[in-house]
N, C-alpha and C. Protein backbone atom coordinates (compact mmCIF):
# COMPACT_ATOMS: atom_id res chain seq x y z
N MET A 1 1.49 6.61 25.78
CA MET A 1 1.37 7.43 24.58
C MET A 1 1.23 6.57 23.34
N ILE A 2 2.06 5.52 23.23
CA ILE A 2 1.98 4.63 22.07
C ILE A 2 0.62 3.95 22.04
N TYR A 3 0.09 3.58 23.21
CA TYR A 3 -1.22 2.95 23.30
C TYR A 3 -2.29 3.83 22.66
N TYR A 4 -2.30 5.12 22.98
CA TYR A 4 -3.30 6.03 22.43
C TYR A 4 -3.09 6.25 20.93
N LYS A 5 -1.84 6.30 20.49
CA LYS A 5 -1.57 6.45 19.06
C LYS A 5 -2.11 5.24 18.30
N ASN A 6 -1.95 4.04 18.88
CA ASN A 6 -2.47 2.84 18.24
C ASN A 6 -3.99 2.84 18.18
N ILE A 7 -4.64 3.34 19.21
CA ILE A 7 -6.10 3.44 19.21
C ILE A 7 -6.55 4.41 18.12
N ILE A 8 -5.89 5.55 18.01
CA ILE A 8 -6.25 6.54 16.99
C ILE A 8 -6.05 5.94 15.60
N LEU A 9 -4.95 5.24 15.39
CA LEU A 9 -4.71 4.62 14.09
C LEU A 9 -5.76 3.57 13.79
N SER A 10 -6.15 2.79 14.78
CA SER A 10 -7.17 1.78 14.58
C SER A 10 -8.50 2.41 14.19
N LEU A 11 -8.86 3.50 14.85
CA LEU A 11 -10.08 4.21 14.51
C LEU A 11 -10.01 4.78 13.10
N ALA A 12 -8.87 5.32 12.75
CA ALA A 12 -8.70 5.87 11.41
C ALA A 12 -8.87 4.79 10.36
N LEU A 13 -8.29 3.64 10.60
CA LEU A 13 -8.39 2.57 9.63
C LEU A 13 -9.79 2.00 9.54
N ALA A 14 -10.53 2.05 10.65
CA ALA A 14 -11.91 1.57 10.62
C ALA A 14 -12.77 2.43 9.70
N LEU A 15 -12.35 3.67 9.50
CA LEU A 15 -13.12 4.57 8.65
C LEU A 15 -12.80 4.41 7.17
N LEU A 16 -11.73 3.69 6.85
CA LEU A 16 -11.38 3.51 5.44
C LEU A 16 -12.43 2.67 4.76
N GLY A 17 -12.73 3.02 3.53
CA GLY A 17 -13.71 2.27 2.76
C GLY A 17 -13.34 2.30 1.31
N SER A 18 -14.31 2.01 0.48
CA SER A 18 -14.03 2.02 -0.95
C SER A 18 -15.32 2.17 -1.73
N ALA A 19 -15.18 2.51 -3.00
CA ALA A 19 -16.30 2.63 -3.91
C ALA A 19 -15.85 2.19 -5.29
N GLN A 20 -16.79 1.71 -6.08
CA GLN A 20 -16.41 1.23 -7.41
C GLN A 20 -16.28 2.40 -8.36
N ILE A 21 -15.10 2.61 -8.85
CA ILE A 21 -14.76 3.66 -9.80
C ILE A 21 -13.83 3.05 -10.82
N LYS A 22 -13.83 3.54 -12.02
CA LYS A 22 -12.93 3.03 -13.05
C LYS A 22 -11.50 3.06 -12.52
N ALA A 23 -10.81 1.93 -12.65
CA ALA A 23 -9.44 1.81 -12.14
C ALA A 23 -8.51 2.74 -12.89
N GLN A 24 -7.64 3.39 -12.13
CA GLN A 24 -6.63 4.24 -12.73
C GLN A 24 -5.48 4.40 -11.77
N ILE A 25 -4.32 4.66 -12.31
CA ILE A 25 -3.13 4.91 -11.49
C ILE A 25 -3.02 6.41 -11.31
N ASN A 26 -2.85 6.83 -10.08
CA ASN A 26 -2.74 8.25 -9.79
C ASN A 26 -1.35 8.75 -10.16
N THR A 27 -1.29 9.88 -10.88
CA THR A 27 0.00 10.43 -11.32
C THR A 27 0.28 11.80 -10.73
N LYS A 28 -0.63 12.33 -9.92
CA LYS A 28 -0.41 13.62 -9.29
C LYS A 28 -1.13 13.66 -7.94
N ASP A 29 -0.72 14.58 -7.08
CA ASP A 29 -1.40 14.74 -5.80
C ASP A 29 -2.85 15.15 -6.04
N THR A 30 -3.75 14.51 -5.30
CA THR A 30 -5.17 14.84 -5.37
C THR A 30 -5.66 15.03 -3.94
N THR A 31 -6.15 16.21 -3.63
CA THR A 31 -6.62 16.50 -2.28
C THR A 31 -8.13 16.37 -2.24
N PHE A 32 -8.64 15.76 -1.16
CA PHE A 32 -10.08 15.62 -0.99
C PHE A 32 -10.40 15.72 0.49
N ASN A 33 -11.63 16.09 0.79
CA ASN A 33 -12.09 16.18 2.17
C ASN A 33 -12.92 14.96 2.50
N SER A 34 -12.83 14.54 3.74
CA SER A 34 -13.63 13.43 4.21
C SER A 34 -14.31 13.85 5.50
N ASP A 35 -15.61 13.59 5.56
CA ASP A 35 -16.35 13.97 6.76
C ASP A 35 -17.05 12.78 7.39
N GLY A 36 -16.54 11.61 7.11
CA GLY A 36 -17.17 10.45 7.74
C GLY A 36 -16.61 9.14 7.23
N ASN A 37 -17.44 8.14 7.33
CA ASN A 37 -17.06 6.79 6.99
C ASN A 37 -17.82 6.37 5.74
N PRO A 38 -17.16 5.96 4.68
CA PRO A 38 -15.72 5.73 4.57
C PRO A 38 -14.95 6.99 4.21
N ILE A 39 -13.66 6.97 4.45
CA ILE A 39 -12.80 8.11 4.12
C ILE A 39 -12.54 8.13 2.62
N ILE A 40 -12.17 7.00 2.08
CA ILE A 40 -11.81 6.90 0.66
C ILE A 40 -13.01 6.36 -0.10
N THR A 41 -13.56 7.17 -0.99
CA THR A 41 -14.76 6.76 -1.72
C THR A 41 -14.58 6.78 -3.23
N HIS A 42 -13.40 7.08 -3.72
CA HIS A 42 -13.23 7.22 -5.16
C HIS A 42 -12.52 6.04 -5.81
N LYS A 43 -12.10 5.04 -5.04
CA LYS A 43 -11.49 3.83 -5.60
C LYS A 43 -11.51 2.74 -4.56
N TYR A 44 -11.39 1.49 -5.04
CA TYR A 44 -11.30 0.37 -4.12
C TYR A 44 -9.91 0.34 -3.50
N THR A 45 -9.86 0.30 -2.19
CA THR A 45 -8.60 0.16 -1.49
C THR A 45 -8.71 -1.03 -0.54
N ALA A 46 -7.58 -1.64 -0.24
CA ALA A 46 -7.59 -2.82 0.62
C ALA A 46 -6.33 -2.85 1.47
N ASP A 47 -6.42 -3.56 2.57
CA ASP A 47 -5.28 -3.83 3.43
C ASP A 47 -4.56 -2.55 3.87
N PRO A 48 -5.25 -1.62 4.53
CA PRO A 48 -4.59 -0.38 4.94
C PRO A 48 -3.48 -0.62 5.94
N ALA A 49 -2.38 0.11 5.76
CA ALA A 49 -1.22 0.00 6.64
C ALA A 49 -0.82 1.42 7.05
N PRO A 50 -1.10 1.82 8.29
CA PRO A 50 -0.81 3.20 8.72
C PRO A 50 0.62 3.38 9.20
N MET A 51 1.10 4.59 9.08
CA MET A 51 2.39 4.98 9.65
C MET A 51 2.31 6.47 9.98
N VAL A 52 2.70 6.84 11.19
CA VAL A 52 2.78 8.24 11.56
C VAL A 52 4.24 8.66 11.49
N TYR A 53 4.49 9.76 10.77
CA TYR A 53 5.85 10.28 10.65
C TYR A 53 5.77 11.80 10.57
N ASN A 54 6.51 12.48 11.43
CA ASN A 54 6.52 13.95 11.48
C ASN A 54 5.11 14.55 11.52
N ASN A 55 4.28 14.04 12.42
CA ASN A 55 2.93 14.53 12.65
C ASN A 55 2.00 14.39 11.45
N THR A 56 2.32 13.48 10.56
CA THR A 56 1.46 13.19 9.41
C THR A 56 1.11 11.71 9.45
N LEU A 57 -0.17 11.41 9.25
CA LEU A 57 -0.62 10.03 9.15
C LEU A 57 -0.57 9.65 7.68
N TYR A 58 0.21 8.62 7.37
CA TYR A 58 0.27 8.06 6.02
C TYR A 58 -0.48 6.73 6.08
N VAL A 59 -1.34 6.51 5.11
CA VAL A 59 -2.04 5.23 5.01
C VAL A 59 -1.70 4.64 3.65
N TYR A 60 -0.98 3.52 3.70
CA TYR A 60 -0.60 2.80 2.49
C TYR A 60 -1.63 1.70 2.28
N THR A 61 -2.17 1.61 1.08
CA THR A 61 -3.21 0.62 0.80
C THR A 61 -2.91 -0.10 -0.51
N GLY A 62 -3.54 -1.23 -0.67
CA GLY A 62 -3.57 -1.87 -1.97
C GLY A 62 -4.63 -1.20 -2.81
N HIS A 63 -4.53 -1.36 -4.12
CA HIS A 63 -5.51 -0.80 -5.04
C HIS A 63 -6.14 -1.96 -5.82
N ASP A 64 -7.33 -2.37 -5.39
CA ASP A 64 -8.02 -3.48 -6.04
C ASP A 64 -8.69 -3.01 -7.33
N GLU A 65 -8.54 -3.83 -8.37
CA GLU A 65 -9.16 -3.55 -9.65
C GLU A 65 -9.87 -4.80 -10.14
N CYS A 66 -11.01 -4.62 -10.80
CA CYS A 66 -11.76 -5.74 -11.36
C CYS A 66 -11.45 -5.82 -12.85
N PRO A 67 -10.79 -6.91 -13.30
CA PRO A 67 -10.53 -7.04 -14.73
C PRO A 67 -11.83 -7.03 -15.52
N VAL A 68 -11.82 -6.42 -16.69
CA VAL A 68 -13.01 -6.32 -17.54
C VAL A 68 -13.53 -7.72 -17.85
N GLY A 69 -14.83 -7.90 -17.66
CA GLY A 69 -15.47 -9.16 -17.97
C GLY A 69 -15.28 -10.25 -16.94
N GLU A 70 -14.66 -9.93 -15.81
CA GLU A 70 -14.44 -10.94 -14.78
C GLU A 70 -15.14 -10.54 -13.49
N ASN A 71 -15.30 -11.49 -12.61
CA ASN A 71 -15.96 -11.26 -11.34
C ASN A 71 -14.97 -11.53 -10.20
N ARG A 72 -13.84 -10.81 -10.24
CA ARG A 72 -12.80 -10.96 -9.21
C ARG A 72 -11.96 -9.70 -9.19
N TYR A 73 -11.13 -9.59 -8.19
CA TYR A 73 -10.26 -8.41 -8.07
C TYR A 73 -8.80 -8.84 -8.12
N VAL A 74 -7.98 -7.96 -8.66
CA VAL A 74 -6.54 -8.13 -8.64
C VAL A 74 -5.92 -6.84 -8.13
N MET A 75 -4.75 -6.95 -7.58
CA MET A 75 -4.04 -5.78 -7.09
C MET A 75 -2.72 -5.69 -7.83
N ASN A 76 -2.55 -4.65 -8.60
CA ASN A 76 -1.33 -4.45 -9.37
C ASN A 76 -0.44 -3.35 -8.80
N ASN A 77 -1.01 -2.52 -7.92
CA ASN A 77 -0.23 -1.43 -7.35
C ASN A 77 -0.77 -1.06 -5.98
N TRP A 78 -0.01 -0.22 -5.31
CA TRP A 78 -0.39 0.26 -4.00
C TRP A 78 -0.59 1.77 -4.05
N CYS A 79 -1.33 2.29 -3.10
CA CYS A 79 -1.63 3.73 -3.01
C CYS A 79 -1.10 4.27 -1.68
N VAL A 80 -0.96 5.59 -1.61
CA VAL A 80 -0.63 6.22 -0.34
C VAL A 80 -1.47 7.49 -0.19
N PHE A 81 -2.07 7.62 0.99
CA PHE A 81 -2.88 8.78 1.35
C PHE A 81 -2.26 9.38 2.60
N SER A 82 -2.38 10.70 2.76
CA SER A 82 -1.84 11.34 3.97
C SER A 82 -2.79 12.40 4.47
N THR A 83 -2.68 12.67 5.78
CA THR A 83 -3.47 13.72 6.42
C THR A 83 -2.76 14.19 7.68
N THR A 84 -3.01 15.43 8.04
CA THR A 84 -2.52 15.96 9.32
C THR A 84 -3.69 16.28 10.25
N ASP A 85 -4.93 16.20 9.73
CA ASP A 85 -6.08 16.58 10.55
C ASP A 85 -7.26 15.60 10.48
N MET A 86 -7.12 14.52 9.75
CA MET A 86 -8.16 13.49 9.57
C MET A 86 -9.38 14.00 8.79
N LYS A 87 -9.31 15.21 8.27
CA LYS A 87 -10.40 15.75 7.46
C LYS A 87 -9.97 15.96 6.01
N GLN A 88 -8.85 16.66 5.85
CA GLN A 88 -8.34 16.88 4.51
C GLN A 88 -7.26 15.84 4.23
N TRP A 89 -7.46 15.11 3.14
CA TRP A 89 -6.58 14.02 2.75
C TRP A 89 -5.95 14.32 1.41
N THR A 90 -4.79 13.76 1.19
CA THR A 90 -4.14 13.85 -0.11
C THR A 90 -3.80 12.45 -0.58
N GLU A 91 -4.23 12.13 -1.80
CA GLU A 91 -3.77 10.91 -2.45
C GLU A 91 -2.57 11.31 -3.28
N HIS A 92 -1.48 10.64 -3.07
CA HIS A 92 -0.23 10.96 -3.75
C HIS A 92 -0.07 10.05 -4.97
N PRO A 93 0.81 10.43 -5.91
CA PRO A 93 1.03 9.58 -7.09
C PRO A 93 1.35 8.15 -6.68
N THR A 94 0.90 7.20 -7.48
CA THR A 94 1.11 5.78 -7.20
C THR A 94 2.59 5.54 -6.92
N PRO A 95 2.92 5.17 -5.68
CA PRO A 95 4.32 5.07 -5.28
C PRO A 95 4.99 3.74 -5.60
N LEU A 96 4.19 2.69 -5.84
CA LEU A 96 4.81 1.38 -6.01
C LEU A 96 3.85 0.47 -6.75
N LYS A 97 4.40 -0.32 -7.68
CA LYS A 97 3.62 -1.28 -8.45
C LYS A 97 4.27 -2.65 -8.32
N ALA A 98 3.49 -3.70 -8.47
CA ALA A 98 4.05 -5.05 -8.44
C ALA A 98 5.11 -5.21 -9.52
N SER A 99 4.92 -4.54 -10.65
CA SER A 99 5.88 -4.64 -11.75
C SER A 99 7.22 -3.95 -11.45
N ASP A 100 7.31 -3.20 -10.34
CA ASP A 100 8.58 -2.60 -9.94
C ASP A 100 9.56 -3.65 -9.41
N PHE A 101 9.07 -4.86 -9.18
CA PHE A 101 9.91 -5.96 -8.72
C PHE A 101 10.10 -6.91 -9.90
N ALA A 102 11.26 -6.88 -10.53
CA ALA A 102 11.52 -7.65 -11.75
C ALA A 102 11.32 -9.15 -11.54
N TRP A 103 11.52 -9.63 -10.34
CA TRP A 103 11.40 -11.06 -10.04
C TRP A 103 9.96 -11.49 -9.80
N ALA A 104 9.03 -10.54 -9.72
CA ALA A 104 7.63 -10.85 -9.42
C ALA A 104 6.80 -10.90 -10.69
N LYS A 105 5.74 -11.71 -10.67
CA LYS A 105 4.84 -11.72 -11.82
C LYS A 105 3.59 -10.89 -11.56
N GLY A 106 3.42 -10.40 -10.36
CA GLY A 106 2.27 -9.56 -10.05
C GLY A 106 1.47 -10.10 -8.91
N GLU A 107 0.15 -9.84 -8.97
CA GLU A 107 -0.78 -10.27 -7.94
C GLU A 107 -0.32 -9.82 -6.55
N ALA A 108 -0.28 -8.52 -6.38
CA ALA A 108 0.15 -7.92 -5.12
C ALA A 108 -0.86 -8.19 -4.00
N TRP A 109 -0.38 -8.13 -2.78
CA TRP A 109 -1.23 -8.31 -1.60
C TRP A 109 -0.83 -7.27 -0.56
N ALA A 110 -1.06 -7.59 0.67
CA ALA A 110 -0.85 -6.67 1.78
C ALA A 110 0.60 -6.19 1.87
N SER A 111 0.74 -5.02 2.50
CA SER A 111 2.07 -4.43 2.63
C SER A 111 2.15 -3.61 3.91
N GLN A 112 3.37 -3.15 4.22
CA GLN A 112 3.59 -2.31 5.40
C GLN A 112 4.84 -1.48 5.19
N VAL A 113 4.78 -0.20 5.55
CA VAL A 113 5.94 0.69 5.45
C VAL A 113 6.46 0.96 6.86
N ILE A 114 7.77 0.89 6.99
CA ILE A 114 8.43 1.14 8.28
C ILE A 114 9.59 2.10 8.04
N GLU A 115 9.70 3.10 8.93
CA GLU A 115 10.83 4.05 8.86
C GLU A 115 11.92 3.56 9.78
N ARG A 116 13.15 3.61 9.30
CA ARG A 116 14.30 3.29 10.15
C ARG A 116 15.49 4.10 9.66
N ASN A 117 16.06 4.88 10.58
CA ASN A 117 17.26 5.67 10.30
C ASN A 117 17.11 6.54 9.06
N GLY A 118 15.95 7.16 8.91
CA GLY A 118 15.73 8.09 7.80
C GLY A 118 15.40 7.44 6.47
N LYS A 119 15.29 6.14 6.43
CA LYS A 119 14.89 5.41 5.21
C LYS A 119 13.51 4.80 5.45
N PHE A 120 12.78 4.62 4.37
CA PHE A 120 11.43 4.06 4.45
C PHE A 120 11.43 2.74 3.69
N TYR A 121 11.10 1.67 4.41
CA TYR A 121 11.13 0.33 3.86
C TYR A 121 9.70 -0.17 3.69
N TRP A 122 9.36 -0.53 2.46
CA TRP A 122 8.01 -0.98 2.14
C TRP A 122 8.06 -2.48 1.88
N TYR A 123 7.57 -3.24 2.85
CA TYR A 123 7.53 -4.70 2.75
C TYR A 123 6.24 -5.08 2.04
N ILE A 124 6.36 -5.90 0.99
CA ILE A 124 5.21 -6.22 0.15
C ILE A 124 5.12 -7.73 -0.03
N SER A 125 3.95 -8.19 -0.42
CA SER A 125 3.79 -9.59 -0.82
C SER A 125 3.24 -9.61 -2.24
N VAL A 126 3.85 -10.44 -3.08
CA VAL A 126 3.46 -10.57 -4.48
C VAL A 126 3.64 -12.02 -4.91
N GLU A 127 3.04 -12.36 -6.02
CA GLU A 127 3.26 -13.67 -6.62
C GLU A 127 4.64 -13.68 -7.27
N HIS A 128 5.45 -14.68 -6.95
CA HIS A 128 6.80 -14.77 -7.49
C HIS A 128 6.74 -15.20 -8.95
N GLY A 129 7.68 -14.75 -9.75
CA GLY A 129 7.69 -15.06 -11.17
C GLY A 129 8.12 -16.48 -11.50
N THR A 130 8.97 -17.09 -10.68
CA THR A 130 9.49 -18.42 -11.00
C THR A 130 9.30 -19.44 -9.89
N ILE A 131 8.94 -19.00 -8.69
CA ILE A 131 8.73 -19.90 -7.55
C ILE A 131 7.25 -19.87 -7.22
N LYS A 132 6.62 -21.03 -7.15
CA LYS A 132 5.19 -21.10 -6.90
C LYS A 132 4.83 -20.42 -5.57
N GLY A 133 3.79 -19.58 -5.62
CA GLY A 133 3.25 -18.97 -4.41
C GLY A 133 3.68 -17.53 -4.19
N LYS A 134 3.20 -16.99 -3.08
CA LYS A 134 3.50 -15.61 -2.70
C LYS A 134 4.91 -15.52 -2.15
N SER A 135 5.48 -14.33 -2.31
CA SER A 135 6.81 -14.04 -1.77
C SER A 135 6.79 -12.67 -1.13
N VAL A 136 7.74 -12.43 -0.26
CA VAL A 136 7.87 -11.13 0.40
C VAL A 136 9.09 -10.42 -0.19
N GLY A 137 8.89 -9.14 -0.53
CA GLY A 137 9.98 -8.31 -1.02
C GLY A 137 10.02 -7.01 -0.24
N VAL A 138 11.00 -6.18 -0.53
CA VAL A 138 11.10 -4.89 0.15
C VAL A 138 11.59 -3.84 -0.84
N ALA A 139 10.96 -2.68 -0.76
CA ALA A 139 11.38 -1.51 -1.54
C ALA A 139 11.86 -0.46 -0.54
N VAL A 140 12.67 0.47 -1.00
CA VAL A 140 13.23 1.48 -0.11
C VAL A 140 13.13 2.86 -0.75
N ALA A 141 13.00 3.88 0.10
CA ALA A 141 12.95 5.27 -0.36
C ALA A 141 13.52 6.17 0.73
N ASP A 142 13.86 7.37 0.34
CA ASP A 142 14.35 8.38 1.29
C ASP A 142 13.22 9.25 1.83
N ASN A 143 12.01 9.03 1.35
CA ASN A 143 10.85 9.86 1.67
C ASN A 143 9.64 8.94 1.82
N PRO A 144 8.71 9.21 2.74
CA PRO A 144 7.56 8.32 2.89
C PRO A 144 6.67 8.27 1.64
N LEU A 145 6.86 9.20 0.72
CA LEU A 145 6.07 9.21 -0.52
C LEU A 145 6.84 8.63 -1.70
N GLY A 146 8.07 8.20 -1.46
CA GLY A 146 8.87 7.63 -2.53
C GLY A 146 9.72 8.68 -3.22
N PRO A 147 10.32 8.33 -4.34
CA PRO A 147 10.08 7.10 -5.08
C PRO A 147 10.71 5.89 -4.40
N PHE A 148 9.97 4.77 -4.47
CA PHE A 148 10.44 3.51 -3.91
C PHE A 148 11.06 2.67 -5.02
N ARG A 149 12.09 1.91 -4.65
CA ARG A 149 12.73 1.01 -5.61
C ARG A 149 13.02 -0.31 -4.89
N ASP A 150 13.06 -1.38 -5.66
CA ASP A 150 13.36 -2.70 -5.10
C ASP A 150 14.70 -2.63 -4.39
N ALA A 151 14.72 -2.93 -3.10
CA ALA A 151 15.93 -2.78 -2.30
C ALA A 151 16.93 -3.92 -2.50
N ARG A 152 16.49 -5.08 -2.99
CA ARG A 152 17.37 -6.24 -3.07
C ARG A 152 17.53 -6.80 -4.48
N GLY A 153 16.51 -6.65 -5.30
CA GLY A 153 16.53 -7.30 -6.60
C GLY A 153 16.12 -8.76 -6.53
N SER A 154 15.66 -9.18 -5.37
CA SER A 154 15.17 -10.55 -5.17
C SER A 154 14.24 -10.56 -3.97
N ALA A 155 13.48 -11.63 -3.85
CA ALA A 155 12.57 -11.77 -2.72
C ALA A 155 13.34 -12.02 -1.43
N ILE A 156 12.77 -11.60 -0.32
CA ILE A 156 13.33 -11.90 1.01
C ILE A 156 12.91 -13.31 1.42
N ILE A 157 11.65 -13.62 1.21
CA ILE A 157 11.09 -14.90 1.60
C ILE A 157 10.27 -15.44 0.43
N THR A 158 10.47 -16.71 0.12
CA THR A 158 9.66 -17.42 -0.89
C THR A 158 9.18 -18.73 -0.28
N ASN A 159 8.36 -19.45 -1.01
CA ASN A 159 7.95 -20.78 -0.53
C ASN A 159 9.14 -21.72 -0.45
N ASP A 160 10.18 -21.49 -1.24
CA ASP A 160 11.39 -22.30 -1.13
C ASP A 160 12.08 -22.11 0.22
N THR A 161 12.08 -20.87 0.73
CA THR A 161 12.76 -20.61 2.00
C THR A 161 11.94 -21.08 3.20
N THR A 162 10.61 -21.19 3.02
CA THR A 162 9.76 -21.61 4.13
C THR A 162 9.47 -23.10 4.12
N GLY A 163 9.75 -23.76 2.98
CA GLY A 163 9.45 -25.18 2.87
C GLY A 163 7.99 -25.45 2.58
N MET A 164 7.22 -24.41 2.29
CA MET A 164 5.80 -24.57 2.00
C MET A 164 5.62 -24.93 0.52
N ILE A 165 4.52 -25.53 0.22
CA ILE A 165 4.06 -25.92 -1.14
C ILE A 165 5.01 -26.86 -1.80
């Protein structure tokens, strides 16, 4: 059963895409229909991380934005989309931003949400504010849609803890 669920999730993620649209943070639920590939066409999304909970597929993604006048992307926040039928999707309000971690300076990267004992833990990677390089942090919520808050007030892993750089 888990094997088939993983195949379905892999297929769902293969359909994720993106389109260039003015960057914005979502502040309310937005429902849209998708009838093919890509599923998400109204903003750039990256690094999809799926989670199935109570018969709902949640896809947590990064939100890539191109700074004005530059030819590169930065990720300042993450997005969450959900569906129960793979056709009708809901984008929920922006659940987490790099700035929600006081110890981080930004530059968010890939993430993953895991449910354990009724809590939802969102493991993220961001640029640390005082230690050179990327660090791993974790936010927690009582609901897969948040609100999420920094669970520790500090990074779990930094380049200091790994001996890198």
